[in-house]
PDB file of N, CA and C in Angstrom:
ATOM      1  N   MET A   1    -116.296 -88.037 113.467  1.00  0.00           N
ATOM      2  CA  MET A   1    -116.115 -88.609 112.164  1.00  0.00           C
ATOM      3  C   MET A   1    -116.761 -90.011 112.220  1.00  0.00           C
ATOM      4  N   ALA A   2    -117.403 -90.379 111.086  1.00  0.00           N
ATOM      5  CA  ALA A   2    -117.947 -91.711 110.919  1.00  0.00           C
ATOM      6  C   ALA A   2    -116.819 -92.735 110.615  1.00  0.00           C
ATOM      7  N   PRO A   3    -117.012 -94.076 111.076  1.00  0.00           N
ATOM      8  CA  PRO A   3    -115.987 -95.022 110.664  1.00  0.00           C
ATOM      9  C   PRO A   3    -116.051 -95.333 109.262  1.00  0.00           C
ATOM     10  N   THR A   4    -115.055 -96.112 108.755  1.00  0.00           N
ATOM     11  CA  THR A   4    -114.968 -96.415 107.399  1.00  0.00           C
ATOM     12  C   THR A   4    -115.718 -97.879 107.434  1.00  0.00           C
ATOM     13  N   TRP A   5    -116.396 -98.129 106.329  1.00  0.00           N
ATOM     14  CA  TRP A   5    -117.180 -99.410 106.270  1.00  0.00           C
ATOM     15  C   TRP A   5    -117.331-100.036 104.965  1.00  0.00           C
ATOM     16  N   ARG A   6    -118.002-101.180 104.904  1.00  0.00           N
ATOM     17  CA  ARG A   6    -118.213-101.945 103.625  1.00  0.00           C
ATOM     18  C   ARG A   6    -119.778-102.161 103.528  1.00  0.00           C
ATOM     19  N   THR A   7    -120.343-101.708 102.361  1.00  0.00           N
ATOM     20  CA  THR A   7    -121.707-101.963 102.258  1.00  0.00           C
ATOM     21  C   THR A   7    -122.091-103.470 101.961  1.00  0.00           C
ATOM     22  N   VAL A   8    -123.012-104.071 102.781  1.00  0.00           N
ATOM     23  CA  VAL A   8    -123.350-105.380 102.631  1.00  0.00           C
ATOM     24  C   VAL A   8    -124.781-105.643 102.021  1.00  0.00           C
ATOM     25  N   SER A   9    -125.558-104.672 102.151  1.00  0.00           N
ATOM     26  CA  SER A   9    -126.917-104.846 101.476  1.00  0.00           C
ATOM     27  C   SER A   9    -127.628-103.422 101.418  1.00  0.00           C
ATOM     28  N   ARG A  10    -128.836-103.455 100.911  1.00  0.00           N
ATOM     29  CA  ARG A  10    -129.634-102.221 100.788  1.00  0.00           C
ATOM     30  C   ARG A  10    -130.990-102.477 101.530  1.00  0.00           C
ATOM     31  N   ILE A  11    -131.529-101.509 102.185  1.00  0.00           N
ATOM     32  CA  ILE A  11    -132.679-101.597 102.923  1.00  0.00           C
ATOM     33  C   ILE A  11    -133.789-100.756 102.188  1.00  0.00           C
ATOM     34  N   SER A  12    -134.838-101.303 101.628  1.00  0.00           N
ATOM     35  CA  SER A  12    -135.885-100.515 100.989  1.00  0.00           C
ATOM     36  C   SER A  12    -136.865-100.154 102.059  1.00  0.00           C
ATOM     37  N   ARG A  13    -137.069 -98.884 102.105  1.00  0.00           N
ATOM     38  CA  ARG A  13    -138.052 -98.305 103.187  1.00  0.00           C
ATOM     39  C   ARG A  13    -139.270 -97.782 102.662  1.00  0.00           C
ATOM     40  N   GLY A  14    -139.566 -97.903 101.447  1.00  0.00           N
ATOM     41  CA  GLY A  14    -140.813 -97.302 100.876  1.00  0.00           C
ATOM     42  C   GLY A  14    -140.509 -95.827 100.392  1.00  0.00           C
ATOM     43  N   PHE A  15    -140.064 -95.011 101.431  1.00  0.00           N
ATOM     44  CA  PHE A  15    -139.803 -93.615 101.152  1.00  0.00           C
ATOM     45  C   PHE A  15    -138.402 -93.390 100.678  1.00  0.00           C
ATOM     46  N   ALA A  16    -137.522 -94.447 100.922  1.00  0.00           N
ATOM     47  CA  ALA A  16    -136.101 -94.263 100.407  1.00  0.00           C
ATOM     48  C   ALA A  16    -135.403 -95.542 100.508  1.00  0.00           C
ATOM     49  N   GLU A  17    -134.311 -95.703  99.991  1.00  0.00           N
ATOM     50  CA  GLU A  17    -133.366 -96.805 100.197  1.00  0.00           C
ATOM     51  C   GLU A  17    -132.124 -96.360 101.118  1.00  0.00           C
ATOM     52  N   ILE A  18    -131.884 -97.339 101.925  1.00  0.00           N
ATOM     53  CA  ILE A  18    -130.769 -96.947 102.826  1.00  0.00           C
ATOM     54  C   ILE A  18    -129.640 -98.099 102.607  1.00  0.00           C
ATOM     55  N   SER A  19    -128.403 -97.714 102.489  1.00  0.00           N
ATOM     56  CA  SER A  19    -127.330 -98.806 102.453  1.00  0.00           C
ATOM     57  C   SER A  19    -127.155 -99.243 103.831  1.00  0.00           C
ATOM     58  N   LEU A  20    -127.063-100.631 104.020  1.00  0.00           N
ATOM     59  CA  LEU A  20    -126.608-101.253 105.266  1.00  0.00           C
ATOM     60  C   LEU A  20    -125.213-101.679 105.114  1.00  0.00           C
ATOM     61  N   ALA A  21    -124.360-101.212 106.094  1.00  0.00           N
ATOM     62  CA  ALA A  21    -122.923-101.439 106.046  1.00  0.00           C
ATOM     63  C   ALA A  21    -122.393-101.962 107.378  1.00  0.00           C
ATOM     64  N   ILE A  22    -121.234-102.611 107.314  1.00  0.00           N
ATOM     65  CA  ILE A  22    -120.534-102.980 108.573  1.00  0.00           C
ATOM     66  C   ILE A  22    -119.172-102.317 108.607  1.00  0.00           C
ATOM     67  N   ALA A  23    -118.908-101.736 109.789  1.00  0.00           N
ATOM     68  CA  ALA A  23    -117.697-100.996 109.847  1.00  0.00           C
ATOM     69  C   ALA A  23    -116.523-101.924 109.694  1.00  0.00           C
ATOM     70  N   ASP A  24    -115.487-101.400 109.080  1.00  0.00           N
ATOM     71  CA  ASP A  24    -114.266-102.097 108.589  1.00  0.00           C
ATOM     72  C   ASP A  24    -113.615-102.682 109.782  1.00  0.00           C
ATOM     73  N   SER A  25    -113.681-102.025 110.843  1.00  0.00           N
ATOM     74  CA  SER A  25    -113.047-102.459 112.282  1.00  0.00           C
ATOM     75  C   SER A  25    -114.164-102.349 113.318  1.00  0.00           C
ATOM     76  N   VAL A  26    -114.550-103.490 113.798  1.00  0.00           N
ATOM     77  CA  VAL A  26    -115.711-103.599 114.767  1.00  0.00           C
ATOM     78  C   VAL A  26    -115.078-103.803 116.136  1.00  0.00           C
ATOM     79  N   GLN A  27    -115.337-102.752 116.999  1.00  0.00           N
ATOM     80  CA  GLN A  27    -114.656-102.836 118.282  1.00  0.00           C
ATOM     81  C   GLN A  27    -115.697-103.116 119.400  1.00  0.00           C
ATOM     82  N   HIS A  28    -115.330-104.021 120.281  1.00  0.00           N
ATOM     83  CA  HIS A  28    -116.206-104.471 121.438  1.00  0.00           C
ATOM     84  C   HIS A  28    -115.226-104.930 122.557  1.00  0.00           C
ATOM     85  N   SER A  29    -115.421-104.444 123.543  1.00  0.00           N
ATOM     86  CA  SER A  29    -114.620-104.861 124.766  1.00  0.00           C
ATOM     87  C   SER A  29    -113.142-104.711 124.654  1.00  0.00           C
ATOM     88  N   GLY A  30    -112.734-103.665 123.898  1.00  0.00           N
ATOM     89  CA  GLY A  30    -111.395-103.337 123.739  1.00  0.00           C
ATOM     90  C   GLY A  30    -110.772-103.999 122.654  1.00  0.00           C
ATOM     91  N   PHE A  31    -111.392-104.890 122.003  1.00  0.00           N
ATOM     92  CA  PHE A  31    -110.740-105.755 120.859  1.00  0.00           C
ATOM     93  C   PHE A  31    -111.269-105.115 119.475  1.00  0.00           C
ATOM     94  N   LYS A  32    -110.399-105.152 118.545  1.00  0.00           N
ATOM     95  CA  LYS A  32    -110.871-104.852 117.093  1.00  0.00           C
ATOM     96  C   LYS A  32    -110.724-106.070 116.300  1.00  0.00           C
ATOM     97  N   ARG A  33    -111.812-106.169 115.488  1.00  0.00           N
ATOM     98  CA  ARG A  33    -111.972-107.351 114.616  1.00  0.00           C
ATOM     99  C   ARG A  33    -112.265-106.848 113.235  1.00  0.00           C
ATOM    100  N   PRO A  34    -111.283-107.007 112.336  1.00  0.00           N
ATOM    101  CA  PRO A  34    -111.687-106.545 110.928  1.00  0.00           C
ATOM    102  C   PRO A  34    -112.762-107.351 110.311  1.00  0.00           C
ATOM    103  N   ILE A  35    -113.493-106.570 109.459  1.00  0.00           N
ATOM    104  CA  ILE A  35    -114.619-107.275 108.897  1.00  0.00           C
ATOM    105  C   ILE A  35    -114.272-108.608 108.127  1.00  0.00           C
ATOM    106  N   SER A  36    -113.068-108.579 107.577  1.00  0.00           N
ATOM    107  CA  SER A  36    -112.658-109.760 106.820  1.00  0.00           C
ATOM    108  C   SER A  36    -112.546-110.958 107.698  1.00  0.00           C
ATOM    109  N   ALA A  37    -112.447-110.802 109.075  1.00  0.00           N
ATOM    110  CA  ALA A  37    -112.354-111.900 109.941  1.00  0.00           C
ATOM    111  C   ALA A  37    -113.791-112.468 110.411  1.00  0.00           C
ATOM    112  N   ILE A  38    -114.787-111.831 110.021  1.00  0.00           N
ATOM    113  CA  ILE A  38    -116.162-112.131 110.489  1.00  0.00           C
ATOM    114  C   ILE A  38    -116.707-113.092 109.407  1.00  0.00           C
ATOM    115  N   ASP A  39    -117.203-114.257 109.971  1.00  0.00           N
ATOM    116  CA  ASP A  39    -117.866-115.252 109.263  1.00  0.00           C
ATOM    117  C   ASP A  39    -118.928-114.603 108.218  1.00  0.00           C
ATOM    118  N   PRO A  40    -119.033-114.877 107.008  1.00  0.00           N
ATOM    119  CA  PRO A  40    -120.045-114.406 106.135  1.00  0.00           C
ATOM    120  C   PRO A  40    -121.400-114.700 106.628  1.00  0.00           C
ATOM    121  N   LYS A  41    -121.648-115.918 107.266  1.00  0.00           N
ATOM    122  CA  LYS A  41    -122.990-116.190 107.728  1.00  0.00           C
ATOM    123  C   LYS A  41    -123.380-115.306 108.977  1.00  0.00           C
ATOM    124  N   VAL A  42    -122.342-114.810 109.687  1.00  0.00           N
ATOM    125  CA  VAL A  42    -122.639-113.798 110.843  1.00  0.00           C
ATOM    126  C   VAL A  42    -123.042-112.411 110.149  1.00  0.00           C
ATOM    127  N   ILE A  43    -122.385-112.103 109.095  1.00  0.00           N
ATOM    128  CA  ILE A  43    -122.733-110.816 108.382  1.00  0.00           C
ATOM    129  C   ILE A  43    -124.182-110.973 107.753  1.00  0.00           C
ATOM    130  N   ASP A  44    -124.420-112.139 107.167  1.00  0.00           N
ATOM    131  CA  ASP A  44    -125.890-112.321 106.679  1.00  0.00           C
ATOM    132  C   ASP A  44    -126.818-112.259 107.690  1.00  0.00           C
ATOM    133  N   ARG A  45    -126.617-112.863 108.868  1.00  0.00           N
ATOM    134  CA  ARG A  45    -127.585-112.848 109.956  1.00  0.00           C
ATOM    135  C   ARG A  45    -127.801-111.362 110.433  1.00  0.00           C
ATOM    136  N   THR A  46    -126.696-110.723 110.513  1.00  0.00           N
ATOM    137  CA  THR A  46    -126.659-109.343 111.044  1.00  0.00           C
ATOM    138  C   THR A  46    -127.607-108.477 109.919  1.00  0.00           C
ATOM    139  N   ALA A  47    -127.345-108.696 108.722  1.00  0.00           N
ATOM    140  CA  ALA A  47    -128.078-107.983 107.756  1.00  0.00           C
ATOM    141  C   ALA A  47    -129.530-108.225 107.672  1.00  0.00           C
ATOM    142  N   GLU A  48    -129.922-109.521 107.971  1.00  0.00           N
ATOM    143  CA  GLU A  48    -131.279-109.971 108.057  1.00  0.00           C
ATOM    144  C   GLU A  48    -131.977-109.252 109.227  1.00  0.00           C
ATOM    145  N   ARG A  49    -131.418-109.299 110.272  1.00  0.00           N
ATOM    146  CA  ARG A  49    -131.999-108.656 111.530  1.00  0.00           C
ATOM    147  C   ARG A  49    -132.093-107.306 111.483  1.00  0.00           C
ATOM    148  N   VAL A  50    -131.107-106.546 111.074  1.00  0.00           N
ATOM    149  CA  VAL A  50    -131.097-105.060 110.965  1.00  0.00           C
ATOM    150  C   VAL A  50    -132.180-104.763 109.944  1.00  0.00           C
ATOM    151  N   THR A  51    -132.253-105.322 108.897  1.00  0.00           N
ATOM    152  CA  THR A  51    -133.188-105.024 107.835  1.00  0.00           C
ATOM    153  C   THR A  51    -134.572-105.157 108.447  1.00  0.00           C
ATOM    154  N   GLN A  52    -134.802-106.296 109.144  1.00  0.00           N
ATOM    155  CA  GLN A  52    -136.049-106.480 109.726  1.00  0.00           C
ATOM    156  C   GLN A  52    -136.364-105.363 110.668  1.00  0.00           C
ATOM    157  N   ALA A  53    -135.466-104.864 111.481  1.00  0.00           N
ATOM    158  CA  ALA A  53    -135.756-103.785 112.432  1.00  0.00           C
ATOM    159  C   ALA A  53    -136.185-102.446 111.655  1.00  0.00           C
ATOM    160  N   PHE A  54    -135.742-102.376 110.293  1.00  0.00           N
ATOM    161  CA  PHE A  54    -136.171-101.075 109.650  1.00  0.00           C
ATOM    162  C   PHE A  54    -137.529-101.288 109.037  1.00  0.00           C
ATOM    163  N   GLU A  55    -138.091-102.499 109.015  1.00  0.00           N
ATOM    164  CA  GLU A  55    -139.403-102.658 108.347  1.00  0.00           C
ATOM    165  C   GLU A  55    -140.441-102.033 109.152  1.00  0.00           C
ATOM    166  N   GLY A  56    -141.561-101.613 108.458  1.00  0.00           N
ATOM    167  CA  GLY A  56    -142.689-101.070 109.237  1.00  0.00           C
ATOM    168  C   GLY A  56    -142.500 -99.645 109.827  1.00  0.00           C
ATOM    169  N   ASN A  57    -141.420 -99.000 109.309  1.00  0.00           N
ATOM    170  CA  ASN A  57    -141.144 -97.551 109.708  1.00  0.00           C
ATOM    171  C   ASN A  57    -140.952 -97.485 111.339  1.00  0.00           C
ATOM    172  N   LYS A  58    -140.532 -98.351 111.960  1.00  0.00           N
ATOM    173  CA  LYS A  58    -140.465 -98.263 113.501  1.00  0.00           C
ATOM    174  C   LYS A  58    -139.068 -97.796 113.906  1.00  0.00           C
ATOM    175  N   MET A  59    -138.092 -98.096 113.119  1.00  0.00           N
ATOM    176  CA  MET A  59    -136.779 -97.850 113.632  1.00  0.00           C
ATOM    177  C   MET A  59    -136.377 -96.364 113.605  1.00  0.00           C
ATOM    178  N   LEU A  60    -136.747 -95.623 112.658  1.00  0.00           N
ATOM    179  CA  LEU A  60    -136.195 -94.236 112.555  1.00  0.00           C
ATOM    180  C   LEU A  60    -137.368 -93.214 112.874  1.00  0.00           C
ATOM    181  N   PRO A  61    -137.011 -92.271 113.724  1.00  0.00           N
ATOM    182  CA  PRO A  61    -138.039 -91.189 113.780  1.00  0.00           C
ATOM    183  C   PRO A  61    -138.193 -90.305 112.478  1.00  0.00           C
ATOM    184  N   GLU A  62    -139.287 -89.732 112.337  1.00  0.00           N
ATOM    185  CA  GLU A  62    -139.604 -88.976 111.066  1.00  0.00           C
ATOM    186  C   GLU A  62    -138.446 -88.033 110.723  1.00  0.00           C
ATOM    187  N   LYS A  63    -137.847 -87.318 111.718  1.00  0.00           N
ATOM    188  CA  LYS A  63    -136.816 -86.391 111.327  1.00  0.00           C
ATOM    189  C   LYS A  63    -135.554 -86.961 110.739  1.00  0.00           C
ATOM    190  N   TRP A  64    -135.329 -88.235 110.820  1.00  0.00           N
ATOM    191  CA  TRP A  64    -134.219 -88.918 110.204  1.00  0.00           C
ATOM    192  C   TRP A  64    -134.492 -89.656 108.883  1.00  0.00           C
ATOM    193  N   LYS A  65    -135.750 -89.932 108.665  1.00  0.00           N
ATOM    194  CA  LYS A  65    -135.982 -90.832 107.504  1.00  0.00           C
ATOM    195  C   LYS A  65    -135.420 -90.448 106.145  1.00  0.00           C
ATOM    196  N   ASN A  66    -135.538 -89.072 105.909  1.00  0.00           N
ATOM    197  CA  ASN A  66    -135.091 -88.735 104.646  1.00  0.00           C
ATOM    198  C   ASN A  66    -133.660 -88.238 104.585  1.00  0.00           C
ATOM    199  N   GLU A  67    -132.966 -88.010 105.795  1.00  0.00           N
ATOM    200  CA  GLU A  67    -131.664 -87.694 105.816  1.00  0.00           C
ATOM    201  C   GLU A  67    -130.712 -88.942 105.910  1.00  0.00           C
ATOM    202  N   THR A  68    -131.168 -90.075 106.379  1.00  0.00           N
ATOM    203  CA  THR A  68    -130.203 -91.191 106.477  1.00  0.00           C
ATOM    204  C   THR A  68    -129.893 -91.820 105.173  1.00  0.00           C
ATOM    205  N   ALA A  69    -128.580 -91.889 104.845  1.00  0.00           N
ATOM    206  CA  ALA A  69    -128.207 -92.501 103.648  1.00  0.00           C
ATOM    207  C   ALA A  69    -127.763 -93.877 103.878  1.00  0.00           C
ATOM    208  N   GLU A  70    -127.116 -94.097 105.068  1.00  0.00           N
ATOM    209  CA  GLU A  70    -126.574 -95.396 105.336  1.00  0.00           C
ATOM    210  C   GLU A  70    -126.724 -95.692 106.866  1.00  0.00           C
ATOM    211  N   ALA A  71    -126.951 -96.966 107.207  1.00  0.00           N
ATOM    212  CA  ALA A  71    -126.928 -97.500 108.596  1.00  0.00           C
ATOM    213  C   ALA A  71    -125.718 -98.341 108.623  1.00  0.00           C
ATOM    214  N   VAL A  72    -124.883 -98.059 109.661  1.00  0.00           N
ATOM    215  CA  VAL A  72    -123.633 -98.687 109.672  1.00  0.00           C
ATOM    216  C   VAL A  72    -123.516 -99.432 111.073  1.00  0.00           C
ATOM    217  N   VAL A  73    -123.333-100.849 111.013  1.00  0.00           N
ATOM    218  CA  VAL A  73    -123.204-101.626 112.195  1.00  0.00           C
ATOM    219  C   VAL A  73    -121.683-101.324 112.764  1.00  0.00           C
ATOM    220  N   THR A  74    -121.660-100.853 113.874  1.00  0.00           N
ATOM    221  CA  THR A  74    -120.355-100.497 114.546  1.00  0.00           C
ATOM    222  C   THR A  74    -119.875-101.473 115.491  1.00  0.00           C
ATOM    223  N   SER A  75    -120.944-102.240 116.024  1.00  0.00           N
ATOM    224  CA  SER A  75    -120.596-103.297 117.031  1.00  0.00           C
ATOM    225  C   SER A  75    -121.445-104.536 116.802  1.00  0.00           C
ATOM    226  N   MET A  76    -120.874-105.653 116.611  1.00  0.00           N
ATOM    227  CA  MET A  76    -121.519-106.888 116.175  1.00  0.00           C
ATOM    228  C   MET A  76    -122.393-107.329 117.383  1.00  0.00           C
ATOM    229  N   GLU A  77    -123.217-108.415 117.318  1.00  0.00           N
ATOM    230  CA  GLU A  77    -124.095-108.674 118.454  1.00  0.00           C
ATOM    231  C   GLU A  77    -123.292-109.027 119.714  1.00  0.00           C
ATOM    232  N   HIS A  78    -123.764-108.481 120.756  1.00  0.00           N
ATOM    233  CA  HIS A  78    -123.147-108.614 122.111  1.00  0.00           C
ATOM    234  C   HIS A  78    -124.186-108.251 123.131  1.00  0.00           C
ATOM    235  N   LYS A  79    -123.831-108.458 124.367  1.00  0.00           N
ATOM    236  CA  LYS A  79    -124.443-107.921 125.498  1.00  0.00           C
ATOM    237  C   LYS A  79    -123.411-107.348 126.430  1.00  0.00           C
ATOM    238  N   SER A  80    -123.869-106.478 127.379  1.00  0.00           N
ATOM    239  CA  SER A  80    -122.878-105.693 128.096  1.00  0.00           C
ATOM    240  C   SER A  80    -123.339-105.657 129.562  1.00  0.00           C
ATOM    241  N   ASP A  81    -122.348-105.144 130.459  1.00  0.00           N
ATOM    242  CA  ASP A  81    -122.824-104.865 131.794  1.00  0.00           C
ATOM    243  C   ASP A  81    -124.043-103.951 131.902  1.00  0.00           C
ATOM    244  N   LYS A  82    -124.207-102.969 131.095  1.00  0.00           N
ATOM    245  CA  LYS A  82    -125.291-102.088 131.056  1.00  0.00           C
ATOM    246  C   LYS A  82    -126.430-102.564 130.423  1.00  0.00           C
ATOM    247  N   ASP A  83    -126.426-103.632 129.478  1.00  0.00           N
ATOM    248  CA  ASP A  83    -127.520-104.074 128.769  1.00  0.00           C
ATOM    249  C   ASP A  83    -127.352-105.598 128.503  1.00  0.00           C
ATOM    250  N   SER A  84    -128.231-106.350 129.152  1.00  0.00           N
ATOM    251  CA  SER A  84    -128.187-107.825 129.178  1.00  0.00           C
ATOM    252  C   SER A  84    -128.824-108.384 127.949  1.00  0.00           C
ATOM    253  N   VAL A  85    -129.590-107.491 127.184  1.00  0.00           N
ATOM    254  CA  VAL A  85    -130.211-107.954 125.884  1.00  0.00           C
ATOM    255  C   VAL A  85    -129.154-108.028 124.816  1.00  0.00           C
ATOM    256  N   ILE A  86    -129.091-109.182 124.035  1.00  0.00           N
ATOM    257  CA  ILE A  86    -128.080-109.308 122.946  1.00  0.00           C
ATOM    258  C   ILE A  86    -128.579-108.307 121.859  1.00  0.00           C
ATOM    259  N   HIS A  87    -127.586-107.526 121.405  1.00  0.00           N
ATOM    260  CA  HIS A  87    -127.948-106.451 120.413  1.00  0.00           C
ATOM    261  C   HIS A  87    -126.826-106.134 119.524  1.00  0.00           C
ATOM    262  N   TRP A  88    -127.067-105.332 118.394  1.00  0.00           N
ATOM    263  CA  TRP A  88    -126.055-104.743 117.553  1.00  0.00           C
ATOM    264  C   TRP A  88    -126.219-103.257 117.816  1.00  0.00           C
ATOM    265  N   ILE A  89    -125.082-102.472 117.607  1.00  0.00           N
ATOM    266  CA  ILE A  89    -125.030-101.018 117.683  1.00  0.00           C
ATOM    267  C   ILE A  89    -124.801-100.510 116.301  1.00  0.00           C
ATOM    268  N   LEU A  90    -125.617 -99.500 115.903  1.00  0.00           N
ATOM    269  CA  LEU A  90    -125.594 -98.892 114.547  1.00  0.00           C
ATOM    270  C   LEU A  90    -125.461 -97.432 114.723  1.00  0.00           C
ATOM    271  N   VAL A  91    -124.945 -96.885 113.657  1.00  0.00           N
ATOM    272  CA  VAL A  91    -124.918 -95.396 113.534  1.00  0.00           C
ATOM    273  C   VAL A  91    -125.659 -95.126 112.146  1.00  0.00           C
ATOM    274  N   GLY A  92    -126.467 -93.998 112.085  1.00  0.00           N
ATOM    275  CA  GLY A  92    -126.987 -93.554 110.814  1.00  0.00           C
ATOM    276  C   GLY A  92    -126.258 -92.470 110.249  1.00  0.00           C
ATOM    277  N   VAL A  93    -125.833 -92.402 109.048  1.00  0.00           N
ATOM    278  CA  VAL A  93    -125.189 -91.320 108.483  1.00  0.00           C
ATOM    279  C   VAL A  93    -125.810 -90.703 107.386  1.00  0.00           C
ATOM    280  N   ASP A  94    -125.591 -89.456 107.103  1.00  0.00           N
ATOM    281  CA  ASP A  94    -126.103 -88.821 105.891  1.00  0.00           C
ATOM    282  C   ASP A  94    -125.207 -88.896 104.754  1.00  0.00           C
ATOM    283  N   ARG A  95    -125.578 -88.323 103.576  1.00  0.00           N
ATOM    284  CA  ARG A  95    -124.856 -88.584 102.373  1.00  0.00           C
ATOM    285  C   ARG A  95    -123.492 -87.952 102.493  1.00  0.00           C
ATOM    286  N   TYR A  96    -123.319 -87.147 103.438  1.00  0.00           N
ATOM    287  CA  TYR A  96    -121.862 -86.542 103.574  1.00  0.00           C
ATOM    288  C   TYR A  96    -121.046 -87.316 104.682  1.00  0.00           C
ATOM    289  N   ARG A  97    -121.602 -88.436 105.177  1.00  0.00           N
ATOM    290  CA  ARG A  97    -121.058 -89.213 106.138  1.00  0.00           C
ATOM    291  C   ARG A  97    -121.001 -88.569 107.594  1.00  0.00           C
ATOM    292  N   ASN A  98    -121.802 -87.719 107.912  1.00  0.00           N
ATOM    293  CA  ASN A  98    -122.030 -87.130 109.160  1.00  0.00           C
ATOM    294  C   ASN A  98    -122.825 -88.085 110.024  1.00  0.00           C
ATOM    295  N   ILE A  99    -122.511 -88.361 111.204  1.00  0.00           N
ATOM    296  CA  ILE A  99    -123.325 -89.291 112.106  1.00  0.00           C
ATOM    297  C   ILE A  99    -124.507 -88.478 112.532  1.00  0.00           C
ATOM    298  N   LEU A 100    -125.766 -88.951 112.283  1.00  0.00           N
ATOM    299  CA  LEU A 100    -127.022 -88.396 112.629  1.00  0.00           C
ATOM    300  C   LEU A 100    -127.581 -89.001 113.946  1.00  0.00           C
ATOM    301  N   TRP A 101    -127.538 -90.273 114.012  1.00  0.00           N
ATOM    302  CA  TRP A 101    -128.136 -91.059 115.225  1.00  0.00           C
ATOM    303  C   TRP A 101    -127.345 -92.320 115.449  1.00  0.00           C
ATOM    304  N   LYS A 102    -127.540 -92.745 116.738  1.00  0.00           N
ATOM    305  CA  LYS A 102    -127.051 -94.082 117.137  1.00  0.00           C
ATOM    306  C   LYS A 102    -128.161 -95.044 117.453  1.00  0.00           C
ATOM    307  N   GLY A 103    -128.084 -96.321 117.192  1.00  0.00           N
ATOM    308  CA  GLY A 103    -129.189 -97.203 117.362  1.00  0.00           C
ATOM    309  C   GLY A 103    -128.692 -98.518 118.048  1.00  0.00           C
ATOM    310  N   HIS A 104    -129.758 -99.188 118.533  1.00  0.00           N
ATOM    311  CA  HIS A 104    -129.620-100.434 119.195  1.00  0.00           C
ATOM    312  C   HIS A 104    -130.612-101.384 118.585  1.00  0.00           C
ATOM    313  N   VAL A 105    -130.251-102.446 117.976  1.00  0.00           N
ATOM    314  CA  VAL A 105    -131.144-103.339 117.453  1.00  0.00           C
ATOM    315  C   VAL A 105    -130.978-104.699 118.150  1.00  0.00           C
ATOM    316  N   PRO A 106    -131.937-105.096 118.845  1.00  0.00           N
ATOM    317  CA  PRO A 106    -131.885-106.403 119.560  1.00  0.00           C
ATOM    318  C   PRO A 106    -131.897-107.637 118.754  1.00  0.00           C
ATOM    319  N   LYS A 107    -131.227-108.680 119.208  1.00  0.00           N
ATOM    320  CA  LYS A 107    -131.364-109.929 118.462  1.00  0.00           C
ATOM    321  C   LYS A 107    -132.719-110.567 118.407  1.00  0.00           C
ATOM    322  N   ASN A 108    -133.520-110.324 119.519  1.00  0.00           N
ATOM    323  CA  ASN A 108    -134.835-110.737 119.533  1.00  0.00           C
ATOM    324  C   ASN A 108    -135.772-109.619 119.224  1.00  0.00           C
ATOM    325  N   PRO A 109    -136.500-109.740 118.052  1.00  0.00           N
ATOM    326  CA  PRO A 109    -137.454-108.709 117.684  1.00  0.00           C
ATOM    327  C   PRO A 109    -138.318-108.281 118.678  1.00  0.00           C
ATOM    328  N   ALA A 110    -138.682-109.048 119.692  1.00  0.00           N
ATOM    329  CA  ALA A 110    -139.631-108.618 120.740  1.00  0.00           C
ATOM    330  C   ALA A 110    -139.026-107.764 121.704  1.00  0.00           C
ATOM    331  N   ASP A 111    -137.763-107.615 121.747  1.00  0.00           N
ATOM    332  CA  ASP A 111    -137.121-106.699 122.735  1.00  0.00           C
ATOM    333  C   ASP A 111    -137.095-105.373 122.081  1.00  0.00           C
ATOM    334  N   LYS A 112    -137.025-104.350 122.927  1.00  0.00           N
ATOM    335  CA  LYS A 112    -137.074-102.981 122.486  1.00  0.00           C
ATOM    336  C   LYS A 112    -135.770-102.493 121.672  1.00  0.00           C
ATOM    337  N   GLN A 113    -136.131-101.946 120.630  1.00  0.00           N
ATOM    338  CA  GLN A 113    -134.979-101.236 119.820  1.00  0.00           C
ATOM    339  C   GLN A 113    -135.114 -99.796 119.990  1.00  0.00           C
ATOM    340  N   HIS A 114    -134.015 -99.042 119.908  1.00  0.00           N
ATOM    341  CA  HIS A 114    -134.102 -97.652 120.144  1.00  0.00           C
ATOM    342  C   HIS A 114    -133.083 -96.912 119.194  1.00  0.00           C
ATOM    343  N   VAL A 115    -133.454 -95.703 119.016  1.00  0.00           N
ATOM    344  CA  VAL A 115    -132.417 -94.723 118.312  1.00  0.00           C
ATOM    345  C   VAL A 115    -132.389 -93.445 119.082  1.00  0.00           C
ATOM    346  N   ARG A 116    -131.164 -92.873 119.236  1.00  0.00           N
ATOM    347  CA  ARG A 116    -131.052 -91.572 119.758  1.00  0.00           C
ATOM    348  C   ARG A 116    -130.125 -90.672 118.990  1.00  0.00           C
ATOM    349  N   ASN A 117    -130.312 -89.428 119.334  1.00  0.00           N
ATOM    350  CA  ASN A 117    -129.528 -88.407 118.576  1.00  0.00           C
ATOM    351  C   ASN A 117    -128.083 -88.617 118.915  1.00  0.00           C
ATOM    352  N   ALA A 118    -127.188 -88.404 117.883  1.00  0.00           N
ATOM    353  CA  ALA A 118    -125.782 -88.739 118.127  1.00  0.00           C
ATOM    354  C   ALA A 118    -125.062 -87.525 118.765  1.00  0.00           C
ATOM    355  N   ALA A 119    -125.669 -86.426 118.747  1.00  0.00           N
ATOM    356  CA  ALA A 119    -125.106 -85.230 119.311  1.00  0.00           C
ATOM    357  C   ALA A 119    -125.149 -85.223 120.875  1.00  0.00           C
TER     358      ALA A 119
END
């Protein structure tokens, strides 16, 4: 089941428009942080970088382009033991809120971003 979220912007992709949202409760390292506790400047920076990742049709494979209704940030920018690159975690959901894919958007656009099947 997809998390609950708040839409913060829209991403125009030429072929369709996708809502960009941030999960109501963002969990990282065992802590939950309600979206209301996140500085609006951090949310704006997140929206800018994620929108940039979707530009140029690089982020999504062809099979998910028409099915994705929303991209939901489920983990704010961080790095981990398994990944030293600062990044955000996203899930892509269809119009029924089924999770289609999971993605990784790096803070630095030069670093590799990737998307994988959620199943």
